[in-house]
Amino acid sequence: MAEVSYLKDGSLDFLPHNLNRQPMVMGGLTADEMWGTVAACGGAGFVVGIPVAFLFGNPALVIACALVGGALGLTVASRILRKMKRGRPDIWFYRQLQLTVTQHFTFLPFLGDTKLVTREGAWTCRRTEK
């Protein structure tokens, strides 16, 4: 374990690593991940709720399906994302999203234009002799 050094006033001269992390809000997800999951699953529930509302003749089912979709999606997605993120760096999930957007959405200029380096093939490390 690293040795702790103190300044003359008794404060620490380093910033602990855990202070730079986003706090886990629910189910191992950060606030950004949680709200993104709720929005995506709630939107899917809203879309599913439109035909259900026409089928049963009750327009309130659209909102009910959106709420159920958001809650159910959050519980399921938090388990899946927690398993995916286990043991990886904090930025891993965001880089995976960026890679997916870069690879699959190149036809949309506002989505596919990222500064991520993607290269197919083998990487080599060559040294030059002098």
Protein backbone atom coordinates (compact mmCIF):
# COMPACT_ATOMS: atom_id res chain seq x y z
CA MET A 1 0.00 0.00 0.00
CA ALA A 2 1.25 3.49 -0.78
CA GLU A 3 2.64 5.53 2.05
CA VAL A 4 0.62 8.57 3.06
CA SER A 5 2.45 11.87 3.33
CA TYR A 6 1.07 14.92 5.13
CA LEU A 7 1.67 18.63 4.62
CA LYS A 8 2.61 20.99 7.47
CA ASP A 9 -1.02 21.92 8.07
CA GLY A 10 -2.00 18.26 8.46
CA SER A 11 -3.72 17.86 5.09
CA LEU A 12 -2.85 15.21 2.52
CA ASP A 13 -0.71 16.14 -0.46
CA PHE A 14 -2.51 13.88 -2.93
CA LEU A 15 -6.02 13.44 -4.24
CA PRO A 16 -7.37 9.94 -3.61
CA HIS A 17 -8.40 8.07 -6.73
CA ASN A 18 -11.95 7.37 -5.56
CA LEU A 19 -12.81 11.07 -5.38
CA ASN A 20 -12.54 11.34 -9.17
CA ARG A 21 -15.10 8.61 -9.81
CA GLN A 22 -18.80 9.18 -10.34
CA PRO A 23 -20.77 7.78 -7.42
CA MET A 24 -22.82 4.64 -7.91
CA VAL A 25 -26.45 5.67 -7.65
CA MET A 26 -28.50 2.52 -8.17
CA GLY A 27 -27.62 -1.06 -8.91
CA GLY A 28 -24.00 -0.33 -9.73
CA LEU A 29 -24.87 2.33 -12.31
CA THR A 30 -23.73 5.92 -12.24
CA ALA A 31 -26.28 8.73 -12.58
CA ASP A 32 -25.64 9.16 -16.32
CA GLU A 33 -25.99 5.43 -16.98
CA MET A 34 -29.12 5.19 -14.85
CA TRP A 35 -30.93 8.09 -16.57
CA GLY A 36 -29.89 6.84 -20.00
CA THR A 37 -31.25 3.38 -19.18
CA VAL A 38 -34.52 4.77 -17.81
CA ALA A 39 -34.97 6.99 -20.88
CA ALA A 40 -34.25 4.20 -23.37
CA CYS A 41 -36.41 1.59 -21.65
CA GLY A 42 -39.18 4.09 -20.89
CA GLY A 43 -39.19 5.15 -24.55
CA ALA A 44 -39.42 1.52 -25.62
CA GLY A 45 -42.30 1.02 -23.17
CA PHE A 46 -44.02 4.11 -24.60
CA VAL A 47 -43.75 2.74 -28.14
CA VAL A 48 -45.08 -0.66 -27.01
CA GLY A 49 -47.86 1.07 -25.08
CA ILE A 50 -49.34 2.79 -28.14
CA PRO A 51 -50.73 -0.41 -29.75
CA VAL A 52 -51.71 -1.74 -26.32
CA ALA A 53 -53.72 1.43 -25.69
CA PHE A 54 -55.53 1.06 -29.01
CA LEU A 55 -56.13 -2.62 -28.32
CA PHE A 56 -57.78 -2.03 -24.94
CA GLY A 57 -59.23 1.41 -25.73
CA ASN A 58 -57.57 3.12 -22.76
CA PRO A 59 -55.11 5.92 -23.59
CA ALA A 60 -53.65 5.85 -20.07
CA LEU A 61 -51.99 2.53 -20.88
CA VAL A 62 -49.37 4.38 -22.93
CA ILE A 63 -48.02 6.11 -19.83
CA ALA A 64 -48.40 2.97 -17.72
CA CYS A 65 -46.39 0.93 -20.22
CA ALA A 66 -43.71 3.63 -20.31
CA LEU A 67 -43.42 3.59 -16.50
CA VAL A 68 -43.35 -0.21 -16.33
CA GLY A 69 -40.82 -0.34 -19.18
CA GLY A 70 -38.54 2.16 -17.44
CA ALA A 71 -38.69 0.39 -14.08
CA LEU A 72 -38.33 -3.11 -15.51
CA GLY A 73 -35.57 -2.00 -17.86
CA LEU A 74 -33.67 -0.36 -15.03
CA THR A 75 -33.71 -3.48 -12.87
CA VAL A 76 -32.68 -5.77 -15.72
CA ALA A 77 -30.15 -3.40 -17.29
CA SER A 78 -28.47 -2.61 -13.98
CA ARG A 79 -27.68 -6.30 -13.52
CA ILE A 80 -26.41 -6.69 -17.08
CA LEU A 81 -24.29 -3.51 -17.05
CA ARG A 82 -22.86 -4.30 -13.61
CA LYS A 83 -21.62 -7.67 -14.92
CA MET A 84 -20.23 -6.06 -18.07
CA LYS A 85 -18.36 -3.33 -16.15
CA ARG A 86 -16.91 -5.56 -13.42
CA GLY A 87 -13.13 -5.31 -13.24
CA ARG A 88 -12.82 -2.78 -16.05
CA PRO A 89 -11.74 0.87 -15.94
CA ASP A 90 -14.32 3.60 -15.30
CA ILE A 91 -14.28 4.87 -18.90
CA TRP A 92 -14.71 1.41 -20.50
CA PHE A 93 -18.49 1.59 -20.97
CA TYR A 94 -18.36 5.00 -22.65
CA ARG A 95 -15.58 3.88 -25.00
CA GLN A 96 -17.63 0.80 -25.96
CA LEU A 97 -20.57 3.07 -26.82
CA GLN A 98 -18.27 5.31 -28.82
CA LEU A 99 -16.84 2.32 -30.69
CA THR A 100 -20.32 1.01 -31.51
CA VAL A 101 -21.44 4.40 -32.82
CA THR A 102 -18.25 4.75 -34.87
CA GLN A 103 -18.57 1.31 -36.44
CA HIS A 104 -22.31 1.14 -37.12
CA PHE A 105 -23.54 4.71 -37.61
CA THR A 106 -21.06 6.08 -40.15
CA PHE A 107 -23.93 7.00 -42.49
CA LEU A 108 -25.08 9.69 -40.03
CA PRO A 109 -22.58 12.55 -40.09
CA PHE A 110 -23.50 13.87 -36.64
CA LEU A 111 -23.19 10.42 -34.97
CA GLY A 112 -20.48 8.54 -36.84
CA ASP A 113 -17.88 11.31 -36.81
CA THR A 114 -15.90 10.56 -33.66
CA LYS A 115 -12.21 10.97 -33.01
CA LEU A 116 -11.81 7.30 -32.08
CA VAL A 117 -8.97 5.47 -33.83
CA THR A 118 -10.25 2.28 -35.43
CA ARG A 119 -7.87 0.18 -37.44
CA GLU A 120 -8.13 -3.34 -38.80
CA GLY A 121 -4.97 -5.42 -38.87
CA ALA A 122 -2.01 -6.31 -36.74
CA TRP A 123 -0.11 -3.72 -34.76
CA THR A 124 3.65 -3.96 -34.62
CA CYS A 125 6.23 -2.24 -32.50
CA ARG A 126 9.44 -1.87 -34.44
CA ARG A 127 12.67 -0.44 -33.20
CA THR A 128 15.18 1.10 -35.49
CA GLU A 129 18.81 0.27 -35.02
CA LYS A 130 21.30 3.07 -35.27
